[in-house]
Amino acid sequence: MEFGVQAIFGPSDPILGAHIQSICEALDVPHLETRIDFEPLSKELSINLHPSQEHMNRAFKDLMTFLNWTKVAIIYEEDYVRNSTSLLNDILRKAVESDMKRWKSDYAKSEDYGR
């Protein structure tokens, strides 16, 4: 930091990102990141350029409404849903209201063919 660091960019990894953000706050260095952040709390020296999960959920719902989708398949990881259940709840509520057929598949419990 003695050579005049003006800001830190990244990383995209959430665990490493939280660590870097903490260091930047301690040293009063701005931190710019572009990653999903499930913590809605604003941070003093950190700017996240990724849209909030609330805005992403609204965009997904608006897209489904605009395209007049009648069937939606949701594939998710258990960790993702633990951090953001509002999208699933909103989609399922809309599905009940509009008589959409719905399927829910838990990716985390399915067989992992990639390993």
PDB file of N, CA and C in Angstrom:
ATOM      1  N   MET A   1       0.808  -1.189   0.000  1.00  0.00           N
ATOM      2  CA  MET A   1       0.000   0.000   0.000  1.00  0.00           C
ATOM      3  C   MET A   1       0.862   1.268   0.000  1.00  0.00           C
ATOM      4  N   GLU A   2       2.118   1.128   0.336  1.00  0.00           N
ATOM      5  CA  GLU A   2       2.985   2.296   0.427  1.00  0.00           C
ATOM      6  C   GLU A   2       3.288   2.914  -0.927  1.00  0.00           C
ATOM      7  N   PHE A   3       3.011   2.195  -2.021  1.00  0.00           N
ATOM      8  CA  PHE A   3       3.295   2.724  -3.354  1.00  0.00           C
ATOM      9  C   PHE A   3       2.095   3.423  -3.977  1.00  0.00           C
ATOM     10  N   GLY A   4       1.082   3.679  -3.208  1.00  0.00           N
ATOM     11  CA  GLY A   4      -0.035   4.468  -3.692  1.00  0.00           C
ATOM     12  C   GLY A   4      -1.152   3.693  -4.356  1.00  0.00           C
ATOM     13  N   VAL A   5      -1.574   2.588  -3.774  1.00  0.00           N
ATOM     14  CA  VAL A   5      -2.709   1.839  -4.317  1.00  0.00           C
ATOM     15  C   VAL A   5      -3.953   2.705  -4.200  1.00  0.00           C
ATOM     16  N   GLN A   6      -4.668   2.857  -5.308  1.00  0.00           N
ATOM     17  CA  GLN A   6      -5.862   3.702  -5.325  1.00  0.00           C
ATOM     18  C   GLN A   6      -7.141   2.918  -5.073  1.00  0.00           C
ATOM     19  N   ALA A   7      -7.181   1.647  -5.527  1.00  0.00           N
ATOM     20  CA  ALA A   7      -8.363   0.805  -5.348  1.00  0.00           C
ATOM     21  C   ALA A   7      -7.992  -0.644  -5.645  1.00  0.00           C
ATOM     22  N   ILE A   8      -8.830  -1.546  -5.173  1.00  0.00           N
ATOM     23  CA  ILE A   8      -8.667  -2.978  -5.438  1.00  0.00           C
ATOM     24  C   ILE A   8      -9.887  -3.431  -6.235  1.00  0.00           C
ATOM     25  N   PHE A   9      -9.663  -4.187  -7.322  1.00  0.00           N
ATOM     26  CA  PHE A   9     -10.739  -4.736  -8.141  1.00  0.00           C
ATOM     27  C   PHE A   9     -10.820  -6.239  -7.910  1.00  0.00           C
ATOM     28  N   GLY A  10     -12.038  -6.746  -7.690  1.00  0.00           N
ATOM     29  CA  GLY A  10     -12.249  -8.183  -7.561  1.00  0.00           C
ATOM     30  C   GLY A  10     -12.029  -8.636  -6.140  1.00  0.00           C
ATOM     31  N   PRO A  11     -11.963  -9.896  -5.957  1.00  0.00           N
ATOM     32  CA  PRO A  11     -12.119 -11.029  -6.865  1.00  0.00           C
ATOM     33  C   PRO A  11     -13.588 -11.440  -6.982  1.00  0.00           C
ATOM     34  N   SER A  12     -13.864 -12.448  -7.799  1.00  0.00           N
ATOM     35  CA  SER A  12     -15.240 -12.903  -7.966  1.00  0.00           C
ATOM     36  C   SER A  12     -15.630 -13.973  -6.946  1.00  0.00           C
ATOM     37  N   ASP A  13     -14.660 -14.584  -6.306  1.00  0.00           N
ATOM     38  CA  ASP A  13     -14.941 -15.604  -5.295  1.00  0.00           C
ATOM     39  C   ASP A  13     -15.542 -14.947  -4.052  1.00  0.00           C
ATOM     40  N   PRO A  14     -16.689 -15.423  -3.565  1.00  0.00           N
ATOM     41  CA  PRO A  14     -17.348 -14.764  -2.435  1.00  0.00           C
ATOM     42  C   PRO A  14     -16.551 -14.804  -1.134  1.00  0.00           C
ATOM     43  N   ILE A  15     -15.880 -15.899  -0.843  1.00  0.00           N
ATOM     44  CA  ILE A  15     -15.118 -15.993   0.410  1.00  0.00           C
ATOM     45  C   ILE A  15     -13.895 -15.092   0.355  1.00  0.00           C
ATOM     46  N   LEU A  16     -13.154 -15.174  -0.730  1.00  0.00           N
ATOM     47  CA  LEU A  16     -11.982 -14.315  -0.895  1.00  0.00           C
ATOM     48  C   LEU A  16     -12.407 -12.850  -0.998  1.00  0.00           C
ATOM     49  N   GLY A  17     -13.534 -12.592  -1.661  1.00  0.00           N
ATOM     50  CA  GLY A  17     -14.041 -11.228  -1.794  1.00  0.00           C
ATOM     51  C   GLY A  17     -14.346 -10.595  -0.449  1.00  0.00           C
ATOM     52  N   ALA A  18     -14.950 -11.365   0.457  1.00  0.00           N
ATOM     53  CA  ALA A  18     -15.252 -10.849   1.794  1.00  0.00           C
ATOM     54  C   ALA A  18     -13.965 -10.544   2.554  1.00  0.00           C
ATOM     55  N   HIS A  19     -12.957 -11.375   2.373  1.00  0.00           N
ATOM     56  CA  HIS A  19     -11.671 -11.160   3.041  1.00  0.00           C
ATOM     57  C   HIS A  19     -10.990  -9.889   2.505  1.00  0.00           C
ATOM     58  N   ILE A  20     -10.953  -9.754   1.179  1.00  0.00           N
ATOM     59  CA  ILE A  20     -10.347  -8.567   0.560  1.00  0.00           C
ATOM     60  C   ILE A  20     -11.100  -7.309   0.974  1.00  0.00           C
ATOM     61  N   GLN A  21     -12.423  -7.400   1.009  1.00  0.00           N
ATOM     62  CA  GLN A  21     -13.238  -6.251   1.403  1.00  0.00           C
ATOM     63  C   GLN A  21     -12.908  -5.819   2.830  1.00  0.00           C
ATOM     64  N   SER A  22     -12.706  -6.786   3.713  1.00  0.00           N
ATOM     65  CA  SER A  22     -12.357  -6.484   5.096  1.00  0.00           C
ATOM     66  C   SER A  22     -10.998  -5.785   5.189  1.00  0.00           C
ATOM     67  N   ILE A  23     -10.030  -6.262   4.423  1.00  0.00           N
ATOM     68  CA  ILE A  23      -8.700  -5.638   4.400  1.00  0.00           C
ATOM     69  C   ILE A  23      -8.796  -4.219   3.854  1.00  0.00           C
ATOM     70  N   CYS A  24      -9.561  -4.045   2.789  1.00  0.00           N
ATOM     71  CA  CYS A  24      -9.715  -2.710   2.193  1.00  0.00           C
ATOM     72  C   CYS A  24     -10.348  -1.736   3.173  1.00  0.00           C
ATOM     73  N   GLU A  25     -11.344  -2.205   3.936  1.00  0.00           N
ATOM     74  CA  GLU A  25     -11.960  -1.332   4.937  1.00  0.00           C
ATOM     75  C   GLU A  25     -10.950  -0.932   6.007  1.00  0.00           C
ATOM     76  N   ALA A  26     -10.122  -1.880   6.433  1.00  0.00           N
ATOM     77  CA  ALA A  26      -9.132  -1.589   7.472  1.00  0.00           C
ATOM     78  C   ALA A  26      -8.095  -0.581   6.993  1.00  0.00           C
ATOM     79  N   LEU A  27      -7.775  -0.615   5.691  1.00  0.00           N
ATOM     80  CA  LEU A  27      -6.748   0.277   5.138  1.00  0.00           C
ATOM     81  C   LEU A  27      -7.328   1.491   4.414  1.00  0.00           C
ATOM     82  N   ASP A  28      -8.649   1.658   4.470  1.00  0.00           N
ATOM     83  CA  ASP A  28      -9.334   2.772   3.791  1.00  0.00           C
ATOM     84  C   ASP A  28      -9.031   2.819   2.297  1.00  0.00           C
ATOM     85  N   VAL A  29      -9.092   1.659   1.652  1.00  0.00           N
ATOM     86  CA  VAL A  29      -8.863   1.550   0.210  1.00  0.00           C
ATOM     87  C   VAL A  29     -10.177   1.117  -0.437  1.00  0.00           C
ATOM     88  N   PRO A  30     -10.649   1.827  -1.459  1.00  0.00           N
ATOM     89  CA  PRO A  30     -11.889   1.422  -2.138  1.00  0.00           C
ATOM     90  C   PRO A  30     -11.770   0.024  -2.751  1.00  0.00           C
ATOM     91  N   HIS A  31     -12.868  -0.707  -2.694  1.00  0.00           N
ATOM     92  CA  HIS A  31     -12.914  -2.078  -3.211  1.00  0.00           C
ATOM     93  C   HIS A  31     -14.064  -2.179  -4.211  1.00  0.00           C
ATOM     94  N   LEU A  32     -13.746  -2.504  -5.467  1.00  0.00           N
ATOM     95  CA  LEU A  32     -14.750  -2.672  -6.519  1.00  0.00           C
ATOM     96  C   LEU A  32     -14.853  -4.153  -6.852  1.00  0.00           C
ATOM     97  N   GLU A  33     -16.080  -4.659  -6.890  1.00  0.00           N
ATOM     98  CA  GLU A  33     -16.267  -6.076  -7.180  1.00  0.00           C
ATOM     99  C   GLU A  33     -17.484  -6.291  -8.071  1.00  0.00           C
ATOM    100  N   THR A  34     -17.509  -7.438  -8.737  1.00  0.00           N
ATOM    101  CA  THR A  34     -18.642  -7.805  -9.591  1.00  0.00           C
ATOM    102  C   THR A  34     -18.999  -9.253  -9.302  1.00  0.00           C
ATOM    103  N   ARG A  35     -19.650  -9.464  -8.189  1.00  0.00           N
ATOM    104  CA  ARG A  35     -20.043 -10.818  -7.803  1.00  0.00           C
ATOM    105  C   ARG A  35     -21.388 -10.765  -7.098  1.00  0.00           C
ATOM    106  N   ILE A  36     -22.068 -11.898  -7.092  1.00  0.00           N
ATOM    107  CA  ILE A  36     -23.322 -11.984  -6.352  1.00  0.00           C
ATOM    108  C   ILE A  36     -22.997 -11.832  -4.877  1.00  0.00           C
ATOM    109  N   ASP A  37     -23.695 -10.943  -4.227  1.00  0.00           N
ATOM    110  CA  ASP A  37     -23.497 -10.723  -2.802  1.00  0.00           C
ATOM    111  C   ASP A  37     -24.855 -10.830  -2.125  1.00  0.00           C
ATOM    112  N   PHE A  38     -25.036 -11.845  -1.292  1.00  0.00           N
ATOM    113  CA  PHE A  38     -26.323 -12.069  -0.652  1.00  0.00           C
ATOM    114  C   PHE A  38     -26.514 -11.213   0.596  1.00  0.00           C
ATOM    115  N   GLU A  39     -25.505 -10.461   0.966  1.00  0.00           N
ATOM    116  CA  GLU A  39     -25.627  -9.582   2.120  1.00  0.00           C
ATOM    117  C   GLU A  39     -26.099  -8.216   1.636  1.00  0.00           C
ATOM    118  N   PRO A  40     -27.325  -7.826   1.965  1.00  0.00           N
ATOM    119  CA  PRO A  40     -27.851  -6.557   1.459  1.00  0.00           C
ATOM    120  C   PRO A  40     -27.260  -5.323   2.141  1.00  0.00           C
ATOM    121  N   LEU A  41     -26.460  -5.530   3.172  1.00  0.00           N
ATOM    122  CA  LEU A  41     -25.889  -4.396   3.890  1.00  0.00           C
ATOM    123  C   LEU A  41     -24.864  -3.677   3.026  1.00  0.00           C
ATOM    124  N   SER A  42     -24.940  -2.356   3.012  1.00  0.00           N
ATOM    125  CA  SER A  42     -23.951  -1.601   2.245  1.00  0.00           C
ATOM    126  C   SER A  42     -22.654  -1.532   3.041  1.00  0.00           C
ATOM    127  N   LYS A  43     -21.572  -1.506   2.311  1.00  0.00           N
ATOM    128  CA  LYS A  43     -20.260  -1.448   2.937  1.00  0.00           C
ATOM    129  C   LYS A  43     -19.636  -0.102   2.604  1.00  0.00           C
ATOM    130  N   GLU A  44     -18.957   0.461   3.557  1.00  0.00           N
ATOM    131  CA  GLU A  44     -18.453   1.824   3.435  1.00  0.00           C
ATOM    132  C   GLU A  44     -17.520   2.031   2.249  1.00  0.00           C
ATOM    133  N   LEU A  45     -16.565   1.153   2.033  1.00  0.00           N
ATOM    134  CA  LEU A  45     -15.569   1.360   0.980  1.00  0.00           C
ATOM    135  C   LEU A  45     -15.674   0.336  -0.145  1.00  0.00           C
ATOM    136  N   SER A  46     -16.796  -0.369  -0.230  1.00  0.00           N
ATOM    137  CA  SER A  46     -16.948  -1.413  -1.232  1.00  0.00           C
ATOM    138  C   SER A  46     -18.104  -1.083  -2.173  1.00  0.00           C
ATOM    139  N   ILE A  47     -17.850  -1.222  -3.465  1.00  0.00           N
ATOM    140  CA  ILE A  47     -18.882  -0.997  -4.480  1.00  0.00           C
ATOM    141  C   ILE A  47     -19.022  -2.283  -5.274  1.00  0.00           C
ATOM    142  N   ASN A  48     -20.226  -2.845  -5.268  1.00  0.00           N
ATOM    143  CA  ASN A  48     -20.480  -4.063  -6.024  1.00  0.00           C
ATOM    144  C   ASN A  48     -21.256  -3.685  -7.278  1.00  0.00           C
ATOM    145  N   LEU A  49     -20.684  -3.988  -8.434  1.00  0.00           N
ATOM    146  CA  LEU A  49     -21.302  -3.629  -9.704  1.00  0.00           C
ATOM    147  C   LEU A  49     -22.314  -4.665 -10.174  1.00  0.00           C
ATOM    148  N   HIS A  50     -22.414  -5.793  -9.482  1.00  0.00           N
ATOM    149  CA  HIS A  50     -23.395  -6.820  -9.834  1.00  0.00           C
ATOM    150  C   HIS A  50     -24.761  -6.388  -9.300  1.00  0.00           C
ATOM    151  N   PRO A  51     -25.819  -6.554 -10.092  1.00  0.00           N
ATOM    152  CA  PRO A  51     -27.156  -6.183  -9.588  1.00  0.00           C
ATOM    153  C   PRO A  51     -27.508  -6.983  -8.334  1.00  0.00           C
ATOM    154  N   SER A  52     -28.253  -6.368  -7.450  1.00  0.00           N
ATOM    155  CA  SER A  52     -28.658  -7.072  -6.233  1.00  0.00           C
ATOM    156  C   SER A  52     -29.577  -8.235  -6.594  1.00  0.00           C
ATOM    157  N   GLN A  53     -29.676  -9.203  -5.685  1.00  0.00           N
ATOM    158  CA  GLN A  53     -30.528 -10.364  -5.945  1.00  0.00           C
ATOM    159  C   GLN A  53     -31.982  -9.939  -6.106  1.00  0.00           C
ATOM    160  N   GLU A  54     -32.398  -8.933  -5.362  1.00  0.00           N
ATOM    161  CA  GLU A  54     -33.771  -8.424  -5.487  1.00  0.00           C
ATOM    162  C   GLU A  54     -34.037  -7.906  -6.901  1.00  0.00           C
ATOM    163  N   HIS A  55     -33.089  -7.167  -7.467  1.00  0.00           N
ATOM    164  CA  HIS A  55     -33.256  -6.658  -8.835  1.00  0.00           C
ATOM    165  C   HIS A  55     -33.225  -7.792  -9.860  1.00  0.00           C
ATOM    166  N   MET A  56     -32.363  -8.782  -9.641  1.00  0.00           N
ATOM    167  CA  MET A  56     -32.319  -9.930 -10.546  1.00  0.00           C
ATOM    168  C   MET A  56     -33.639 -10.698 -10.503  1.00  0.00           C
ATOM    169  N   ASN A  57     -34.180 -10.908  -9.302  1.00  0.00           N
ATOM    170  CA  ASN A  57     -35.457 -11.609  -9.167  1.00  0.00           C
ATOM    171  C   ASN A  57     -36.568 -10.869  -9.899  1.00  0.00           C
ATOM    172  N   ARG A  58     -36.606  -9.558  -9.734  1.00  0.00           N
ATOM    173  CA  ARG A  58     -37.627  -8.752 -10.405  1.00  0.00           C
ATOM    174  C   ARG A  58     -37.481  -8.857 -11.921  1.00  0.00           C
ATOM    175  N   ALA A  59     -36.239  -8.851 -12.407  1.00  0.00           N
ATOM    176  CA  ALA A  59     -36.005  -8.966 -13.854  1.00  0.00           C
ATOM    177  C   ALA A  59     -36.466 -10.324 -14.378  1.00  0.00           C
ATOM    178  N   PHE A  60     -36.181 -11.398 -13.636  1.00  0.00           N
ATOM    179  CA  PHE A  60     -36.640 -12.729 -14.049  1.00  0.00           C
ATOM    180  C   PHE A  60     -38.164 -12.785 -14.102  1.00  0.00           C
ATOM    181  N   LYS A  61     -38.817 -12.258 -13.068  1.00  0.00           N
ATOM    182  CA  LYS A  61     -40.284 -12.270 -13.044  1.00  0.00           C
ATOM    183  C   LYS A  61     -40.853 -11.445 -14.190  1.00  0.00           C
ATOM    184  N   ASP A  62     -40.283 -10.268 -14.428  1.00  0.00           N
ATOM    185  CA  ASP A  62     -40.760  -9.417 -15.525  1.00  0.00           C
ATOM    186  C   ASP A  62     -40.582 -10.101 -16.872  1.00  0.00           C
ATOM    187  N   LEU A  63     -39.462 -10.786 -17.057  1.00  0.00           N
ATOM    188  CA  LEU A  63     -39.212 -11.492 -18.312  1.00  0.00           C
ATOM    189  C   LEU A  63     -40.229 -12.615 -18.517  1.00  0.00           C
ATOM    190  N   MET A  64     -40.500 -13.378 -17.467  1.00  0.00           N
ATOM    191  CA  MET A  64     -41.477 -14.460 -17.581  1.00  0.00           C
ATOM    192  C   MET A  64     -42.872 -13.921 -17.890  1.00  0.00           C
ATOM    193  N   THR A  65     -43.220 -12.802 -17.276  1.00  0.00           N
ATOM    194  CA  THR A  65     -44.518 -12.185 -17.544  1.00  0.00           C
ATOM    195  C   THR A  65     -44.574 -11.651 -18.963  1.00  0.00           C
ATOM    196  N   PHE A  66     -43.534 -10.953 -19.390  1.00  0.00           N
ATOM    197  CA  PHE A  66     -43.491 -10.364 -20.726  1.00  0.00           C
ATOM    198  C   PHE A  66     -43.573 -11.436 -21.810  1.00  0.00           C
ATOM    199  N   LEU A  67     -42.850 -12.542 -21.613  1.00  0.00           N
ATOM    200  CA  LEU A  67     -42.844 -13.623 -22.599  1.00  0.00           C
ATOM    201  C   LEU A  67     -44.044 -14.562 -22.448  1.00  0.00           C
ATOM    202  N   ASN A  68     -44.872 -14.297 -21.427  1.00  0.00           N
ATOM    203  CA  ASN A  68     -46.089 -15.074 -21.183  1.00  0.00           C
ATOM    204  C   ASN A  68     -45.788 -16.571 -21.066  1.00  0.00           C
ATOM    205  N   TRP A  69     -44.754 -16.884 -20.314  1.00  0.00           N
ATOM    206  CA  TRP A  69     -44.386 -18.282 -20.136  1.00  0.00           C
ATOM    207  C   TRP A  69     -45.465 -19.000 -19.341  1.00  0.00           C
ATOM    208  N   THR A  70     -45.780 -20.209 -19.733  1.00  0.00           N
ATOM    209  CA  THR A  70     -46.762 -21.012 -19.010  1.00  0.00           C
ATOM    210  C   THR A  70     -46.106 -22.156 -18.254  1.00  0.00           C
ATOM    211  N   LYS A  71     -44.851 -22.441 -18.557  1.00  0.00           N
ATOM    212  CA  LYS A  71     -44.107 -23.490 -17.857  1.00  0.00           C
ATOM    213  C   LYS A  71     -42.727 -22.957 -17.496  1.00  0.00           C
ATOM    214  N   VAL A  72     -42.312 -23.240 -16.291  1.00  0.00           N
ATOM    215  CA  VAL A  72     -40.997 -22.800 -15.825  1.00  0.00           C
ATOM    216  C   VAL A  72     -40.350 -23.950 -15.065  1.00  0.00           C
ATOM    217  N   ALA A  73     -39.118 -24.255 -15.378  1.00  0.00           N
ATOM    218  CA  ALA A  73     -38.345 -25.243 -14.624  1.00  0.00           C
ATOM    219  C   ALA A  73     -37.273 -24.496 -13.842  1.00  0.00           C
ATOM    220  N   ILE A  74     -37.162 -24.803 -12.586  1.00  0.00           N
ATOM    221  CA  ILE A  74     -36.175 -24.144 -11.731  1.00  0.00           C
ATOM    222  C   ILE A  74     -35.191 -25.200 -11.249  1.00  0.00           C
ATOM    223  N   ILE A  75     -33.941 -25.033 -11.612  1.00  0.00           N
ATOM    224  CA  ILE A  75     -32.875 -25.923 -11.165  1.00  0.00           C
ATOM    225  C   ILE A  75     -31.949 -25.079 -10.299  1.00  0.00           C
ATOM    226  N   TYR A  76     -31.700 -25.516  -9.111  1.00  0.00           N
ATOM    227  CA  TYR A  76     -30.925 -24.690  -8.196  1.00  0.00           C
ATOM    228  C   TYR A  76     -30.036 -25.550  -7.318  1.00  0.00           C
ATOM    229  N   GLU A  77     -29.053 -24.889  -6.723  1.00  0.00           N
ATOM    230  CA  GLU A  77     -28.191 -25.526  -5.742  1.00  0.00           C
ATOM    231  C   GLU A  77     -28.709 -25.170  -4.357  1.00  0.00           C
ATOM    232  N   GLU A  78     -28.553 -26.077  -3.426  1.00  0.00           N
ATOM    233  CA  GLU A  78     -29.075 -25.876  -2.079  1.00  0.00           C
ATOM    234  C   GLU A  78     -28.520 -24.599  -1.443  1.00  0.00           C
ATOM    235  N   ASP A  79     -27.232 -24.340  -1.596  1.00  0.00           N
ATOM    236  CA  ASP A  79     -26.627 -23.140  -1.013  1.00  0.00           C
ATOM    237  C   ASP A  79     -27.237 -21.873  -1.580  1.00  0.00           C
ATOM    238  N   TYR A  80     -27.540 -21.872  -2.871  1.00  0.00           N
ATOM    239  CA  TYR A  80     -28.104 -20.682  -3.507  1.00  0.00           C
ATOM    240  C   TYR A  80     -29.480 -20.379  -2.935  1.00  0.00           C
ATOM    241  N   VAL A  81     -30.291 -21.402  -2.788  1.00  0.00           N
ATOM    242  CA  VAL A  81     -31.646 -21.205  -2.284  1.00  0.00           C
ATOM    243  C   VAL A  81     -31.618 -20.779  -0.829  1.00  0.00           C
ATOM    244  N   ARG A  82     -30.685 -21.299  -0.068  1.00  0.00           N
ATOM    245  CA  ARG A  82     -30.569 -20.917   1.336  1.00  0.00           C
ATOM    246  C   ARG A  82     -30.346 -19.411   1.451  1.00  0.00           C
ATOM    247  N   ASN A  83     -29.630 -18.835   0.496  1.00  0.00           N
ATOM    248  CA  ASN A  83     -29.321 -17.410   0.537  1.00  0.00           C
ATOM    249  C   ASN A  83     -30.353 -16.546  -0.172  1.00  0.00           C
ATOM    250  N   SER A  84     -31.148 -17.118  -1.036  1.00  0.00           N
ATOM    251  CA  SER A  84     -32.094 -16.310  -1.799  1.00  0.00           C
ATOM    252  C   SER A  84     -33.347 -17.099  -2.130  1.00  0.00           C
ATOM    253  N   THR A  85     -34.271 -17.164  -1.197  1.00  0.00           N
ATOM    254  CA  THR A  85     -35.505 -17.908  -1.436  1.00  0.00           C
ATOM    255  C   THR A  85     -36.591 -17.038  -2.037  1.00  0.00           C
ATOM    256  N   SER A  86     -36.404 -15.737  -2.074  1.00  0.00           N
ATOM    257  CA  SER A  86     -37.477 -14.864  -2.542  1.00  0.00           C
ATOM    258  C   SER A  86     -37.835 -15.110  -3.999  1.00  0.00           C
ATOM    259  N   LEU A  87     -36.867 -15.414  -4.853  1.00  0.00           N
ATOM    260  CA  LEU A  87     -37.177 -15.675  -6.259  1.00  0.00           C
ATOM    261  C   LEU A  87     -38.069 -16.899  -6.380  1.00  0.00           C
ATOM    262  N   LEU A  88     -37.702 -17.990  -5.718  1.00  0.00           N
ATOM    263  CA  LEU A  88     -38.523 -19.199  -5.784  1.00  0.00           C
ATOM    264  C   LEU A  88     -39.915 -18.948  -5.235  1.00  0.00           C
ATOM    265  N   ASN A  89     -40.008 -18.270  -4.110  1.00  0.00           N
ATOM    266  CA  ASN A  89     -41.317 -17.987  -3.526  1.00  0.00           C
ATOM    267  C   ASN A  89     -42.164 -17.132  -4.454  1.00  0.00           C
ATOM    268  N   ASP A  90     -41.573 -16.109  -5.051  1.00  0.00           N
ATOM    269  CA  ASP A  90     -42.314 -15.244  -5.966  1.00  0.00           C
ATOM    270  C   ASP A  90     -42.768 -16.001  -7.204  1.00  0.00           C
ATOM    271  N   ILE A  91     -41.886 -16.835  -7.751  1.00  0.00           N
ATOM    272  CA  ILE A  91     -42.243 -17.602  -8.949  1.00  0.00           C
ATOM    273  C   ILE A  91     -43.350 -18.597  -8.629  1.00  0.00           C
ATOM    274  N   LEU A  92     -43.228 -19.296  -7.507  1.00  0.00           N
ATOM    275  CA  LEU A  92     -44.248 -20.276  -7.150  1.00  0.00           C
ATOM    276  C   LEU A  92     -45.585 -19.613  -6.847  1.00  0.00           C
ATOM    277  N   ARG A  93     -45.569 -18.451  -6.197  1.00  0.00           N
ATOM    278  CA  ARG A  93     -46.810 -17.720  -5.936  1.00  0.00           C
ATOM    279  C   ARG A  93     -47.458 -17.312  -7.250  1.00  0.00           C
ATOM    280  N   LYS A  94     -46.641 -16.813  -8.185  1.00  0.00           N
ATOM    281  CA  LYS A  94     -47.159 -16.425  -9.495  1.00  0.00           C
ATOM    282  C   LYS A  94     -47.695 -17.646 -10.228  1.00  0.00           C
ATOM    283  N   ALA A  95     -47.014 -18.783 -10.063  1.00  0.00           N
ATOM    284  CA  ALA A  95     -47.458 -20.014 -10.725  1.00  0.00           C
ATOM    285  C   ALA A  95     -48.836 -20.428 -10.222  1.00  0.00           C
ATOM    286  N   VAL A  96     -49.044 -20.337  -8.932  1.00  0.00           N
ATOM    287  CA  VAL A  96     -50.344 -20.700  -8.371  1.00  0.00           C
ATOM    288  C   VAL A  96     -51.407 -19.732  -8.869  1.00  0.00           C
ATOM    289  N   GLU A  97     -51.080 -18.442  -8.916  1.00  0.00           N
ATOM    290  CA  GLU A  97     -52.041 -17.437  -9.359  1.00  0.00           C
ATOM    291  C   GLU A  97     -52.430 -17.619 -10.818  1.00  0.00           C
ATOM    292  N   SER A  98     -51.502 -18.061 -11.652  1.00  0.00           N
ATOM    293  CA  SER A  98     -51.781 -18.141 -13.083  1.00  0.00           C
ATOM    294  C   SER A  98     -51.922 -19.578 -13.591  1.00  0.00           C
ATOM    295  N   ASP A  99     -52.043 -20.529 -12.670  1.00  0.00           N
ATOM    296  CA  ASP A  99     -52.208 -21.939 -13.044  1.00  0.00           C
ATOM    297  C   ASP A  99     -51.047 -22.479 -13.861  1.00  0.00           C
ATOM    298  N   MET A 100     -49.855 -21.974 -13.646  1.00  0.00           N
ATOM    299  CA  MET A 100     -48.675 -22.513 -14.323  1.00  0.00           C
ATOM    300  C   MET A 100     -48.381 -23.895 -13.770  1.00  0.00           C
ATOM    301  N   LYS A 101     -47.880 -24.759 -14.609  1.00  0.00           N
ATOM    302  CA  LYS A 101     -47.365 -26.027 -14.106  1.00  0.00           C
ATOM    303  C   LYS A 101     -45.975 -25.730 -13.557  1.00  0.00           C
ATOM    304  N   ARG A 102     -45.619 -26.389 -12.504  1.00  0.00           N
ATOM    305  CA  ARG A 102     -44.305 -26.107 -11.944  1.00  0.00           C
ATOM    306  C   ARG A 102     -43.592 -27.390 -11.553  1.00  0.00           C
ATOM    307  N   TRP A 103     -42.321 -27.358 -11.762  1.00  0.00           N
ATOM    308  CA  TRP A 103     -41.442 -28.449 -11.369  1.00  0.00           C
ATOM    309  C   TRP A 103     -40.341 -27.844 -10.527  1.00  0.00           C
ATOM    310  N   LYS A 104     -39.958 -28.549  -9.519  1.00  0.00           N
ATOM    311  CA  LYS A 104     -38.877 -28.067  -8.679  1.00  0.00           C
ATOM    312  C   LYS A 104     -37.850 -29.185  -8.575  1.00  0.00           C
ATOM    313  N   SER A 105     -36.652 -28.900  -8.981  1.00  0.00           N
ATOM    314  CA  SER A 105     -35.598 -29.901  -8.949  1.00  0.00           C
ATOM    315  C   SER A 105     -34.448 -29.386  -8.105  1.00  0.00           C
ATOM    316  N   ASP A 106     -34.050 -30.158  -7.156  1.00  0.00           N
ATOM    317  CA  ASP A 106     -32.955 -29.754  -6.289  1.00  0.00           C
ATOM    318  C   ASP A 106     -31.663 -30.334  -6.842  1.00  0.00           C
ATOM    319  N   TYR A 107     -30.877 -29.480  -7.472  1.00  0.00           N
ATOM    320  CA  TYR A 107     -29.631 -29.900  -8.105  1.00  0.00           C
ATOM    321  C   TYR A 107     -28.682 -30.543  -7.098  1.00  0.00           C
ATOM    322  N   ALA A 108     -28.659 -30.018  -5.892  1.00  0.00           N
ATOM    323  CA  ALA A 108     -27.713 -30.517  -4.893  1.00  0.00           C
ATOM    324  C   ALA A 108     -28.001 -31.969  -4.514  1.00  0.00           C
ATOM    325  N   LYS A 109     -29.249 -32.406  -4.608  1.00  0.00           N
ATOM    326  CA  LYS A 109     -29.602 -33.769  -4.240  1.00  0.00           C
ATOM    327  C   LYS A 109     -29.548 -34.722  -5.427  1.00  0.00           C
ATOM    328  N   SER A 110     -29.414 -34.180  -6.636  1.00  0.00           N
ATOM    329  CA  SER A 110     -29.364 -35.044  -7.808  1.00  0.00           C
ATOM    330  C   SER A 110     -27.965 -35.630  -7.959  1.00  0.00           C
ATOM    331  N   GLU A 111     -27.851 -36.637  -8.797  1.00  0.00           N
ATOM    332  CA  GLU A 111     -26.559 -37.280  -9.021  1.00  0.00           C
ATOM    333  C   GLU A 111     -25.629 -36.329  -9.759  1.00  0.00           C
ATOM    334  N   ASP A 112     -24.399 -36.222  -9.305  1.00  0.00           N
ATOM    335  CA  ASP A 112     -23.436 -35.307  -9.909  1.00  0.00           C
ATOM    336  C   ASP A 112     -22.655 -36.045 -10.995  1.00  0.00           C
ATOM    337  N   TYR A 113     -22.953 -35.744 -12.262  1.00  0.00           N
ATOM    338  CA  TYR A 113     -22.284 -36.402 -13.377  1.00  0.00           C
ATOM    339  C   TYR A 113     -20.963 -35.738 -13.738  1.00  0.00           C
ATOM    340  N   GLY A 114     -20.687 -34.561 -13.180  1.00  0.00           N
ATOM    341  CA  GLY A 114     -19.480 -33.825 -13.535  1.00  0.00           C
ATOM    342  C   GLY A 114     -18.244 -34.287 -12.790  1.00  0.00           C
ATOM    343  N   ARG A 115     -18.380 -35.141 -11.812  1.00  0.00           N
ATOM    344  CA  ARG A 115     -17.218 -35.544 -11.001  1.00  0.00           C
ATOM    345  C   ARG A 115     -16.898 -36.982 -11.182  1.00  0.00           C
TER     346      ARG A 115
END
